[in-house]
Amino acid sequence: MNAGELQAALESGEADLAVGPLPDAWPHPVHLLGTEEFVIVLPPGDPSDLNPAARVPFSALRDREWVRLAPRNGLARFLDEGCAAAGFRPSTAIFTEQSAAAPLLTLSGLGPALIPANMLPPYFPGRVFLPDPPIRRTLAAYSYGRPDAVATAFIEKLVAGAHIMPPGLVEAFPRC
C-alpha cells in the first residue's frame, strides 16, 4: 500500500494502525520510528569502478537499465526524482510491483535498483552504495484516533526495536 492507501484504510476503519512514511498533516496520533536510508544495489560481479566508500551520483549509472518499482508502488518516485535531478530519465530493464523483489532481480543481473536499505535480504551478496544526493524518508506508525491497548503495545515495540538501517550496513556506512 502507498501512503494515500494507508491513510484511506485508517479513515474508513479498515485498519487500526498504519506503518509507513510520515503522513502529511495527519491530525491524529503519530509515532516516529526513524529515518530510512535508500541504497543503490548492484550484482556482486558488476564491472563498474564505483567506489564503495563514496556516495554514488545517479549520473554514474545513467547508461544502465534499471530494475524499477512499478509506478503504483509508493517508492517508485524516488528513483525517478533522483535521476531527474541528475538530468536523465532511467531506462527500464524490468518493473516489479514488489519492493522486496528488486534486489533479487538485481542479483540476477538485470540492472541496478534503488531501494530502502531495510529491504535488503540478510547477507545480501551484491554491491551496496549510498546515492548522491542521499535519499531518505521518515517512517512512522500512526492511527485514526487514539490506538487501543493492543495497538499501543505494538507501537511501543516498533519504537523500541525498529531497525531502519540493517545492522550490517550501519557498520559499512557509519556516516548514515
N, C-alpha and C. Protein backbone atom coordinates (compact mmCIF):
# COMPACT_ATOMS: atom_id res chain seq x y z
N MET A 1 0.83 -1.19 0.00
CA MET A 1 0.00 0.00 0.00
C MET A 1 0.87 1.25 0.00
N ASN A 2 0.43 2.25 -0.70
CA ASN A 2 1.14 3.52 -0.65
C ASN A 2 0.57 4.37 0.48
N ALA A 3 1.17 5.52 0.73
CA ALA A 3 0.77 6.36 1.86
C ALA A 3 -0.70 6.77 1.80
N GLY A 4 -1.18 7.12 0.63
CA GLY A 4 -2.59 7.50 0.49
C GLY A 4 -3.53 6.36 0.81
N GLU A 5 -3.17 5.16 0.38
CA GLU A 5 -4.00 3.98 0.66
C GLU A 5 -3.99 3.66 2.15
N LEU A 6 -2.84 3.82 2.80
CA LEU A 6 -2.77 3.59 4.25
C LEU A 6 -3.69 4.55 4.99
N GLN A 7 -3.62 5.81 4.63
CA GLN A 7 -4.47 6.81 5.30
C GLN A 7 -5.94 6.54 5.03
N ALA A 8 -6.28 6.15 3.81
CA ALA A 8 -7.68 5.84 3.49
C ALA A 8 -8.17 4.63 4.29
N ALA A 9 -7.32 3.63 4.46
CA ALA A 9 -7.70 2.44 5.23
C ALA A 9 -7.97 2.81 6.68
N LEU A 10 -7.18 3.72 7.23
CA LEU A 10 -7.42 4.18 8.60
C LEU A 10 -8.72 4.96 8.70
N GLU A 11 -8.91 5.87 7.78
CA GLU A 11 -10.10 6.72 7.81
C GLU A 11 -11.39 5.92 7.63
N SER A 12 -11.33 4.84 6.84
CA SER A 12 -12.52 4.03 6.60
C SER A 12 -12.77 2.99 7.69
N GLY A 13 -11.81 2.83 8.60
CA GLY A 13 -11.95 1.82 9.64
C GLY A 13 -11.47 0.45 9.21
N GLU A 14 -10.94 0.33 8.00
CA GLU A 14 -10.42 -0.94 7.50
C GLU A 14 -9.16 -1.37 8.25
N ALA A 15 -8.41 -0.39 8.77
CA ALA A 15 -7.18 -0.66 9.52
C ALA A 15 -7.21 0.14 10.82
N ASP A 16 -6.53 -0.40 11.82
CA ASP A 16 -6.41 0.29 13.11
C ASP A 16 -5.11 1.08 13.22
N LEU A 17 -4.10 0.65 12.45
CA LEU A 17 -2.77 1.22 12.57
C LEU A 17 -2.08 1.15 11.22
N ALA A 18 -1.33 2.17 10.88
CA ALA A 18 -0.53 2.18 9.65
C ALA A 18 0.93 2.35 10.03
N VAL A 19 1.80 1.69 9.29
CA VAL A 19 3.24 1.83 9.46
C VAL A 19 3.80 2.15 8.08
N GLY A 20 4.41 3.31 7.96
CA GLY A 20 4.92 3.72 6.66
C GLY A 20 5.49 5.12 6.71
N PRO A 21 5.52 5.79 5.55
CA PRO A 21 6.08 7.14 5.52
C PRO A 21 5.27 8.10 6.38
N LEU A 22 5.96 9.05 6.94
CA LEU A 22 5.32 10.07 7.77
C LEU A 22 4.22 10.75 6.97
N PRO A 23 2.99 10.70 7.47
CA PRO A 23 1.88 11.31 6.71
C PRO A 23 1.94 12.84 6.76
N ASP A 24 1.43 13.45 5.71
CA ASP A 24 1.35 14.91 5.65
C ASP A 24 0.16 15.39 6.47
N ALA A 25 0.40 16.31 7.36
CA ALA A 25 -0.67 16.99 8.11
C ALA A 25 -1.69 16.01 8.69
N TRP A 26 -1.24 14.94 9.28
CA TRP A 26 -2.13 13.96 9.89
C TRP A 26 -2.54 14.47 11.27
N PRO A 27 -3.84 14.70 11.53
CA PRO A 27 -4.26 15.32 12.79
C PRO A 27 -4.44 14.33 13.94
N HIS A 28 -4.02 13.08 13.74
CA HIS A 28 -4.20 12.04 14.75
C HIS A 28 -2.84 11.59 15.27
N PRO A 29 -2.80 10.67 16.25
CA PRO A 29 -1.51 10.26 16.83
C PRO A 29 -0.51 9.71 15.80
N VAL A 30 0.73 10.19 15.91
CA VAL A 30 1.84 9.76 15.05
C VAL A 30 3.02 9.43 15.96
N HIS A 31 3.66 8.29 15.71
CA HIS A 31 4.81 7.86 16.50
C HIS A 31 5.98 7.64 15.53
N LEU A 32 7.01 8.48 15.65
CA LEU A 32 8.16 8.40 14.74
C LEU A 32 8.96 7.14 15.00
N LEU A 33 9.36 6.47 13.93
CA LEU A 33 10.15 5.24 14.04
C LEU A 33 11.61 5.46 13.65
N GLY A 34 11.87 6.44 12.82
CA GLY A 34 13.24 6.72 12.39
C GLY A 34 13.29 7.15 10.94
N THR A 35 14.49 7.36 10.46
CA THR A 35 14.70 7.79 9.09
C THR A 35 15.28 6.64 8.28
N GLU A 36 14.63 6.37 7.18
CA GLU A 36 15.01 5.28 6.29
C GLU A 36 15.99 5.82 5.25
N GLU A 37 17.09 5.10 5.06
CA GLU A 37 18.11 5.47 4.08
C GLU A 37 17.96 4.56 2.86
N PHE A 38 17.97 5.14 1.67
CA PHE A 38 17.89 4.35 0.44
C PHE A 38 19.29 4.01 -0.04
N VAL A 39 19.41 2.86 -0.70
CA VAL A 39 20.69 2.42 -1.25
C VAL A 39 20.50 2.01 -2.71
N ILE A 40 21.59 2.06 -3.45
CA ILE A 40 21.64 1.53 -4.81
C ILE A 40 22.32 0.17 -4.71
N VAL A 41 21.70 -0.84 -5.30
CA VAL A 41 22.29 -2.18 -5.27
C VAL A 41 22.67 -2.61 -6.68
N LEU A 42 23.79 -3.33 -6.75
CA LEU A 42 24.30 -3.90 -7.99
C LEU A 42 24.67 -5.36 -7.72
N PRO A 43 24.73 -6.18 -8.76
CA PRO A 43 25.13 -7.57 -8.53
C PRO A 43 26.59 -7.66 -8.08
N PRO A 44 26.99 -8.76 -7.44
CA PRO A 44 28.35 -8.86 -6.88
C PRO A 44 29.46 -8.71 -7.92
N GLY A 45 29.29 -9.21 -9.12
CA GLY A 45 30.35 -9.14 -10.12
C GLY A 45 30.25 -7.95 -11.05
N ASP A 46 29.48 -6.95 -10.69
CA ASP A 46 29.30 -5.79 -11.56
C ASP A 46 30.66 -5.16 -11.88
N PRO A 47 30.94 -4.92 -13.16
CA PRO A 47 32.26 -4.42 -13.54
C PRO A 47 32.49 -2.93 -13.30
N SER A 48 31.54 -2.23 -12.73
CA SER A 48 31.71 -0.79 -12.55
C SER A 48 32.89 -0.50 -11.62
N ASP A 49 33.45 0.70 -11.79
CA ASP A 49 34.57 1.11 -10.95
C ASP A 49 34.09 2.06 -9.85
N LEU A 50 32.86 1.89 -9.41
CA LEU A 50 32.31 2.75 -8.38
C LEU A 50 33.02 2.51 -7.06
N ASN A 51 33.27 3.58 -6.34
CA ASN A 51 33.95 3.50 -5.05
C ASN A 51 32.92 3.22 -3.95
N PRO A 52 33.00 2.07 -3.28
CA PRO A 52 32.01 1.75 -2.25
C PRO A 52 32.11 2.66 -1.02
N ALA A 53 33.22 3.37 -0.87
CA ALA A 53 33.37 4.24 0.29
C ALA A 53 32.78 5.63 0.05
N ALA A 54 32.39 5.92 -1.19
CA ALA A 54 31.86 7.24 -1.52
C ALA A 54 30.41 7.10 -1.97
N ARG A 55 29.67 8.16 -1.82
CA ARG A 55 28.30 8.17 -2.35
C ARG A 55 28.38 8.17 -3.88
N VAL A 56 27.43 7.47 -4.49
CA VAL A 56 27.43 7.32 -5.94
C VAL A 56 26.39 8.26 -6.55
N PRO A 57 26.82 9.15 -7.45
CA PRO A 57 25.85 10.02 -8.11
C PRO A 57 25.02 9.21 -9.10
N PHE A 58 23.76 9.55 -9.23
CA PHE A 58 22.89 8.87 -10.18
C PHE A 58 23.47 8.93 -11.59
N SER A 59 24.14 10.03 -11.91
CA SER A 59 24.70 10.19 -13.26
C SER A 59 25.72 9.10 -13.59
N ALA A 60 26.35 8.49 -12.59
CA ALA A 60 27.32 7.42 -12.83
C ALA A 60 26.64 6.17 -13.38
N LEU A 61 25.31 6.08 -13.22
CA LEU A 61 24.56 4.92 -13.70
C LEU A 61 23.55 5.31 -14.78
N ARG A 62 23.81 6.43 -15.41
CA ARG A 62 22.93 6.99 -16.44
C ARG A 62 22.67 6.02 -17.60
N ASP A 63 23.66 5.26 -18.00
CA ASP A 63 23.54 4.39 -19.16
C ASP A 63 23.02 2.99 -18.84
N ARG A 64 22.64 2.76 -17.61
CA ARG A 64 22.16 1.44 -17.19
C ARG A 64 20.66 1.31 -17.39
N GLU A 65 20.23 0.08 -17.57
CA GLU A 65 18.81 -0.24 -17.48
C GLU A 65 18.56 -0.66 -16.04
N TRP A 66 17.55 -0.08 -15.43
CA TRP A 66 17.29 -0.25 -14.01
C TRP A 66 16.19 -1.29 -13.75
N VAL A 67 16.31 -1.93 -12.60
CA VAL A 67 15.19 -2.68 -12.03
C VAL A 67 14.36 -1.62 -11.34
N ARG A 68 13.15 -1.40 -11.85
CA ARG A 68 12.34 -0.29 -11.35
C ARG A 68 11.10 -0.81 -10.65
N LEU A 69 10.69 -0.06 -9.66
CA LEU A 69 9.44 -0.36 -8.99
C LEU A 69 8.31 0.19 -9.85
N ALA A 70 7.24 -0.57 -9.95
CA ALA A 70 6.10 -0.17 -10.78
C ALA A 70 5.57 1.19 -10.32
N PRO A 71 5.04 1.98 -11.24
CA PRO A 71 4.58 3.32 -10.89
C PRO A 71 3.60 3.37 -9.72
N ARG A 72 2.80 2.35 -9.53
CA ARG A 72 1.83 2.32 -8.43
C ARG A 72 2.51 2.15 -7.07
N ASN A 73 3.73 1.62 -7.06
CA ASN A 73 4.47 1.45 -5.82
C ASN A 73 4.90 2.82 -5.31
N GLY A 74 4.63 3.11 -4.06
CA GLY A 74 4.94 4.42 -3.49
C GLY A 74 6.42 4.77 -3.47
N LEU A 75 7.29 3.77 -3.65
CA LEU A 75 8.73 4.01 -3.65
C LEU A 75 9.28 4.34 -5.04
N ALA A 76 8.48 4.14 -6.07
CA ALA A 76 8.95 4.32 -7.45
C ALA A 76 9.43 5.74 -7.71
N ARG A 77 8.79 6.70 -7.09
CA ARG A 77 9.12 8.10 -7.38
C ARG A 77 10.54 8.48 -6.97
N PHE A 78 11.13 7.77 -6.01
CA PHE A 78 12.45 8.15 -5.52
C PHE A 78 13.52 7.97 -6.60
N LEU A 79 13.46 6.89 -7.36
CA LEU A 79 14.41 6.70 -8.47
C LEU A 79 14.16 7.75 -9.54
N ASP A 80 12.90 7.96 -9.89
CA ASP A 80 12.58 8.95 -10.91
C ASP A 80 13.09 10.33 -10.53
N GLU A 81 12.89 10.72 -9.27
CA GLU A 81 13.33 12.04 -8.81
C GLU A 81 14.85 12.14 -8.77
N GLY A 82 15.53 11.08 -8.31
CA GLY A 82 16.99 11.10 -8.26
C GLY A 82 17.61 11.22 -9.64
N CYS A 83 17.06 10.46 -10.59
CA CYS A 83 17.57 10.52 -11.96
C CYS A 83 17.24 11.86 -12.62
N ALA A 84 16.04 12.37 -12.39
CA ALA A 84 15.65 13.66 -12.97
C ALA A 84 16.57 14.77 -12.47
N ALA A 85 16.92 14.75 -11.19
CA ALA A 85 17.83 15.75 -10.64
C ALA A 85 19.21 15.66 -11.29
N ALA A 86 19.57 14.45 -11.76
CA ALA A 86 20.86 14.25 -12.43
C ALA A 86 20.76 14.50 -13.94
N GLY A 87 19.55 14.86 -14.41
CA GLY A 87 19.39 15.24 -15.81
C GLY A 87 19.03 14.13 -16.77
N PHE A 88 18.48 13.03 -16.29
CA PHE A 88 18.08 11.98 -17.21
C PHE A 88 16.88 11.22 -16.67
N ARG A 89 16.30 10.43 -17.54
CA ARG A 89 15.18 9.55 -17.17
C ARG A 89 15.70 8.13 -17.18
N PRO A 90 15.47 7.35 -16.12
CA PRO A 90 16.05 6.00 -16.08
C PRO A 90 15.44 5.07 -17.13
N SER A 91 16.30 4.29 -17.78
CA SER A 91 15.84 3.23 -18.68
C SER A 91 15.40 2.05 -17.83
N THR A 92 14.52 1.25 -18.37
CA THR A 92 13.92 0.16 -17.60
C THR A 92 14.33 -1.20 -18.15
N ALA A 93 14.88 -2.03 -17.28
CA ALA A 93 15.12 -3.43 -17.62
C ALA A 93 13.87 -4.23 -17.33
N ILE A 94 13.26 -3.93 -16.17
CA ILE A 94 12.06 -4.64 -15.73
C ILE A 94 11.38 -3.81 -14.64
N PHE A 95 10.06 -3.92 -14.57
CA PHE A 95 9.29 -3.33 -13.47
C PHE A 95 8.89 -4.45 -12.53
N THR A 96 8.84 -4.13 -11.24
CA THR A 96 8.31 -5.06 -10.26
C THR A 96 7.35 -4.32 -9.35
N GLU A 97 6.26 -4.98 -9.00
CA GLU A 97 5.31 -4.42 -8.04
C GLU A 97 5.84 -4.56 -6.62
N GLN A 98 6.63 -5.61 -6.40
CA GLN A 98 7.09 -5.95 -5.06
C GLN A 98 8.48 -5.36 -4.77
N SER A 99 8.55 -4.48 -3.80
CA SER A 99 9.82 -3.84 -3.45
C SER A 99 10.89 -4.86 -3.07
N ALA A 100 10.49 -5.89 -2.33
CA ALA A 100 11.45 -6.89 -1.87
C ALA A 100 12.03 -7.71 -3.02
N ALA A 101 11.37 -7.72 -4.17
CA ALA A 101 11.89 -8.46 -5.33
C ALA A 101 13.00 -7.70 -6.05
N ALA A 102 13.07 -6.39 -5.90
CA ALA A 102 14.04 -5.58 -6.65
C ALA A 102 15.48 -6.02 -6.41
N PRO A 103 15.95 -6.20 -5.16
CA PRO A 103 17.35 -6.61 -5.01
C PRO A 103 17.61 -8.01 -5.57
N LEU A 104 16.62 -8.88 -5.55
CA LEU A 104 16.79 -10.23 -6.10
C LEU A 104 16.89 -10.18 -7.62
N LEU A 105 16.11 -9.31 -8.24
CA LEU A 105 16.20 -9.12 -9.69
C LEU A 105 17.55 -8.51 -10.06
N THR A 106 18.05 -7.62 -9.22
CA THR A 106 19.38 -7.05 -9.45
C THR A 106 20.43 -8.15 -9.39
N LEU A 107 20.33 -9.04 -8.42
CA LEU A 107 21.30 -10.14 -8.31
C LEU A 107 21.32 -11.00 -9.55
N SER A 108 20.19 -11.09 -10.25
CA SER A 108 20.15 -11.90 -11.46
C SER A 108 20.82 -11.19 -12.64
N GLY A 109 21.26 -9.95 -12.43
CA GLY A 109 21.99 -9.23 -13.46
C GLY A 109 21.15 -8.31 -14.33
N LEU A 110 19.90 -8.07 -13.92
CA LEU A 110 19.02 -7.25 -14.75
C LEU A 110 19.34 -5.76 -14.70
N GLY A 111 19.98 -5.30 -13.63
CA GLY A 111 20.32 -3.88 -13.53
C GLY A 111 20.32 -3.41 -12.11
N PRO A 112 20.78 -2.17 -11.89
CA PRO A 112 20.77 -1.61 -10.54
C PRO A 112 19.34 -1.34 -10.08
N ALA A 113 19.18 -1.24 -8.78
CA ALA A 113 17.89 -0.87 -8.19
C ALA A 113 18.14 0.10 -7.06
N LEU A 114 17.17 0.95 -6.81
CA LEU A 114 17.19 1.87 -5.67
C LEU A 114 16.10 1.40 -4.71
N ILE A 115 16.50 1.04 -3.50
CA ILE A 115 15.55 0.52 -2.52
C ILE A 115 15.90 1.03 -1.13
N PRO A 116 14.94 0.99 -0.21
CA PRO A 116 15.29 1.29 1.18
C PRO A 116 16.26 0.21 1.70
N ALA A 117 17.23 0.63 2.48
CA ALA A 117 18.24 -0.30 2.99
C ALA A 117 17.60 -1.44 3.77
N ASN A 118 16.50 -1.17 4.46
CA ASN A 118 15.89 -2.23 5.26
C ASN A 118 15.18 -3.27 4.41
N MET A 119 15.14 -3.10 3.10
CA MET A 119 14.57 -4.10 2.19
C MET A 119 15.60 -5.11 1.73
N LEU A 120 16.87 -4.87 2.04
CA LEU A 120 17.90 -5.82 1.63
C LEU A 120 17.74 -7.12 2.40
N PRO A 121 17.83 -8.26 1.70
CA PRO A 121 17.78 -9.52 2.43
C PRO A 121 19.05 -9.66 3.28
N PRO A 122 18.96 -10.42 4.38
CA PRO A 122 20.16 -10.63 5.20
C PRO A 122 21.29 -11.22 4.35
N TYR A 123 22.49 -10.78 4.61
CA TYR A 123 23.68 -11.28 3.91
C TYR A 123 23.58 -11.09 2.39
N PHE A 124 23.07 -9.97 1.98
CA PHE A 124 22.94 -9.65 0.56
C PHE A 124 24.33 -9.70 -0.08
N PRO A 125 24.52 -10.56 -1.09
CA PRO A 125 25.85 -10.72 -1.67
C PRO A 125 26.23 -9.67 -2.72
N GLY A 126 25.30 -8.81 -3.08
CA GLY A 126 25.58 -7.80 -4.09
C GLY A 126 26.36 -6.63 -3.54
N ARG A 127 26.59 -5.66 -4.41
CA ARG A 127 27.29 -4.43 -4.02
C ARG A 127 26.24 -3.40 -3.62
N VAL A 128 26.53 -2.67 -2.55
CA VAL A 128 25.58 -1.71 -1.98
C VAL A 128 26.26 -0.35 -1.89
N PHE A 129 25.56 0.66 -2.42
CA PHE A 129 26.10 2.02 -2.43
C PHE A 129 25.05 3.00 -1.92
N LEU A 130 25.52 4.06 -1.30
CA LEU A 130 24.64 5.15 -0.92
C LEU A 130 24.57 6.13 -2.10
N PRO A 131 23.37 6.58 -2.47
CA PRO A 131 23.27 7.51 -3.59
C PRO A 131 23.67 8.94 -3.21
N ASP A 132 24.05 9.69 -4.22
CA ASP A 132 24.36 11.10 -4.06
C ASP A 132 23.49 11.86 -5.05
N PRO A 133 22.59 12.68 -4.58
CA PRO A 133 22.37 13.06 -3.19
C PRO A 133 21.68 11.94 -2.40
N PRO A 134 21.80 12.01 -1.08
CA PRO A 134 21.16 10.99 -0.25
C PRO A 134 19.64 11.01 -0.44
N ILE A 135 19.05 9.85 -0.32
CA ILE A 135 17.59 9.75 -0.36
C ILE A 135 17.16 9.12 0.94
N ARG A 136 16.32 9.85 1.64
CA ARG A 136 15.85 9.41 2.96
C ARG A 136 14.37 9.75 3.10
N ARG A 137 13.71 9.00 3.99
CA ARG A 137 12.35 9.37 4.35
C ARG A 137 12.10 8.93 5.79
N THR A 138 11.24 9.68 6.46
CA THR A 138 10.89 9.39 7.84
C THR A 138 9.74 8.38 7.87
N LEU A 139 9.88 7.38 8.71
CA LEU A 139 8.84 6.37 8.88
C LEU A 139 8.14 6.58 10.22
N ALA A 140 6.87 6.23 10.25
CA ALA A 140 6.08 6.43 11.46
C ALA A 140 4.99 5.36 11.55
N ALA A 141 4.51 5.19 12.75
CA ALA A 141 3.29 4.40 12.99
C ALA A 141 2.22 5.43 13.34
N TYR A 142 1.04 5.29 12.76
CA TYR A 142 0.00 6.27 13.04
C TYR A 142 -1.37 5.61 13.00
N SER A 143 -2.28 6.27 13.67
CA SER A 143 -3.63 5.72 13.79
C SER A 143 -4.66 6.82 13.58
N TYR A 144 -5.90 6.39 13.44
CA TYR A 144 -7.02 7.32 13.33
C TYR A 144 -7.66 7.35 14.71
N GLY A 145 -7.40 8.39 15.44
CA GLY A 145 -7.87 8.44 16.82
C GLY A 145 -6.90 7.73 17.74
N ARG A 146 -7.28 7.63 18.97
CA ARG A 146 -6.41 7.03 20.00
C ARG A 146 -6.33 5.51 19.79
N PRO A 147 -5.10 4.94 19.69
CA PRO A 147 -4.99 3.50 19.49
C PRO A 147 -5.41 2.72 20.74
N ASP A 148 -5.95 1.51 20.53
CA ASP A 148 -6.34 0.68 21.67
C ASP A 148 -5.09 0.09 22.33
N ALA A 149 -5.29 -0.71 23.38
CA ALA A 149 -4.17 -1.25 24.17
C ALA A 149 -3.26 -2.14 23.33
N VAL A 150 -3.83 -2.97 22.46
CA VAL A 150 -3.01 -3.86 21.64
C VAL A 150 -2.18 -3.04 20.65
N ALA A 151 -2.80 -2.09 19.98
CA ALA A 151 -2.07 -1.25 19.03
C ALA A 151 -1.00 -0.43 19.74
N THR A 152 -1.30 0.05 20.94
CA THR A 152 -0.33 0.82 21.71
C THR A 152 0.88 -0.03 22.06
N ALA A 153 0.65 -1.27 22.49
CA ALA A 153 1.76 -2.18 22.80
C ALA A 153 2.61 -2.46 21.56
N PHE A 154 1.95 -2.65 20.41
CA PHE A 154 2.66 -2.88 19.16
C PHE A 154 3.50 -1.67 18.79
N ILE A 155 2.93 -0.48 18.91
CA ILE A 155 3.66 0.76 18.61
C ILE A 155 4.89 0.88 19.50
N GLU A 156 4.73 0.58 20.78
CA GLU A 156 5.86 0.66 21.71
C GLU A 156 6.98 -0.30 21.29
N LYS A 157 6.62 -1.50 20.85
CA LYS A 157 7.62 -2.46 20.36
C LYS A 157 8.32 -1.92 19.12
N LEU A 158 7.54 -1.35 18.21
CA LEU A 158 8.12 -0.78 17.00
C LEU A 158 9.09 0.35 17.32
N VAL A 159 8.67 1.26 18.17
CA VAL A 159 9.51 2.41 18.51
C VAL A 159 10.80 1.94 19.18
N ALA A 160 10.71 0.94 20.05
CA ALA A 160 11.88 0.45 20.77
C ALA A 160 12.82 -0.38 19.90
N GLY A 161 12.26 -1.10 18.91
CA GLY A 161 13.09 -2.05 18.20
C GLY A 161 13.14 -1.93 16.70
N ALA A 162 12.66 -0.83 16.14
CA ALA A 162 12.68 -0.69 14.68
C ALA A 162 14.12 -0.61 14.18
N HIS A 163 14.44 -1.42 13.18
CA HIS A 163 15.77 -1.41 12.55
C HIS A 163 15.61 -0.81 11.16
N ILE A 164 15.69 0.50 11.12
CA ILE A 164 15.50 1.21 9.86
C ILE A 164 16.71 1.00 8.95
N MET A 165 17.90 0.95 9.52
CA MET A 165 19.12 0.66 8.77
C MET A 165 19.63 -0.68 9.27
N PRO A 166 19.71 -1.71 8.41
CA PRO A 166 20.16 -3.03 8.85
C PRO A 166 21.53 -2.95 9.53
N PRO A 167 21.73 -3.72 10.61
CA PRO A 167 22.99 -3.64 11.38
C PRO A 167 24.25 -3.79 10.54
N GLY A 168 24.29 -4.70 9.58
CA GLY A 168 25.48 -4.87 8.74
C GLY A 168 25.82 -3.63 7.94
N LEU A 169 24.80 -2.87 7.55
CA LEU A 169 25.03 -1.66 6.77
C LEU A 169 25.43 -0.49 7.66
N VAL A 170 25.00 -0.52 8.90
CA VAL A 170 25.40 0.55 9.81
C VAL A 170 26.92 0.56 9.93
N GLU A 171 27.53 -0.63 10.04
CA GLU A 171 29.00 -0.71 10.11
C GLU A 171 29.63 -0.31 8.78
N ALA A 172 29.02 -0.72 7.67
CA ALA A 172 29.57 -0.42 6.36
C ALA A 172 29.48 1.07 6.03
N PHE A 173 28.40 1.70 6.49
CA PHE A 173 28.17 3.12 6.20
C PHE A 173 27.95 3.88 7.51
N PRO A 174 28.96 4.03 8.34
CA PRO A 174 28.75 4.67 9.63
C PRO A 174 28.33 6.12 9.55
N ARG A 175 28.48 6.75 8.42
CA ARG A 175 28.14 8.18 8.29
C ARG A 175 26.68 8.41 7.98
N CYS A 176 25.86 7.35 7.89
CA CYS A 176 24.43 7.49 7.58
C CYS A 176 23.73 8.18 8.73
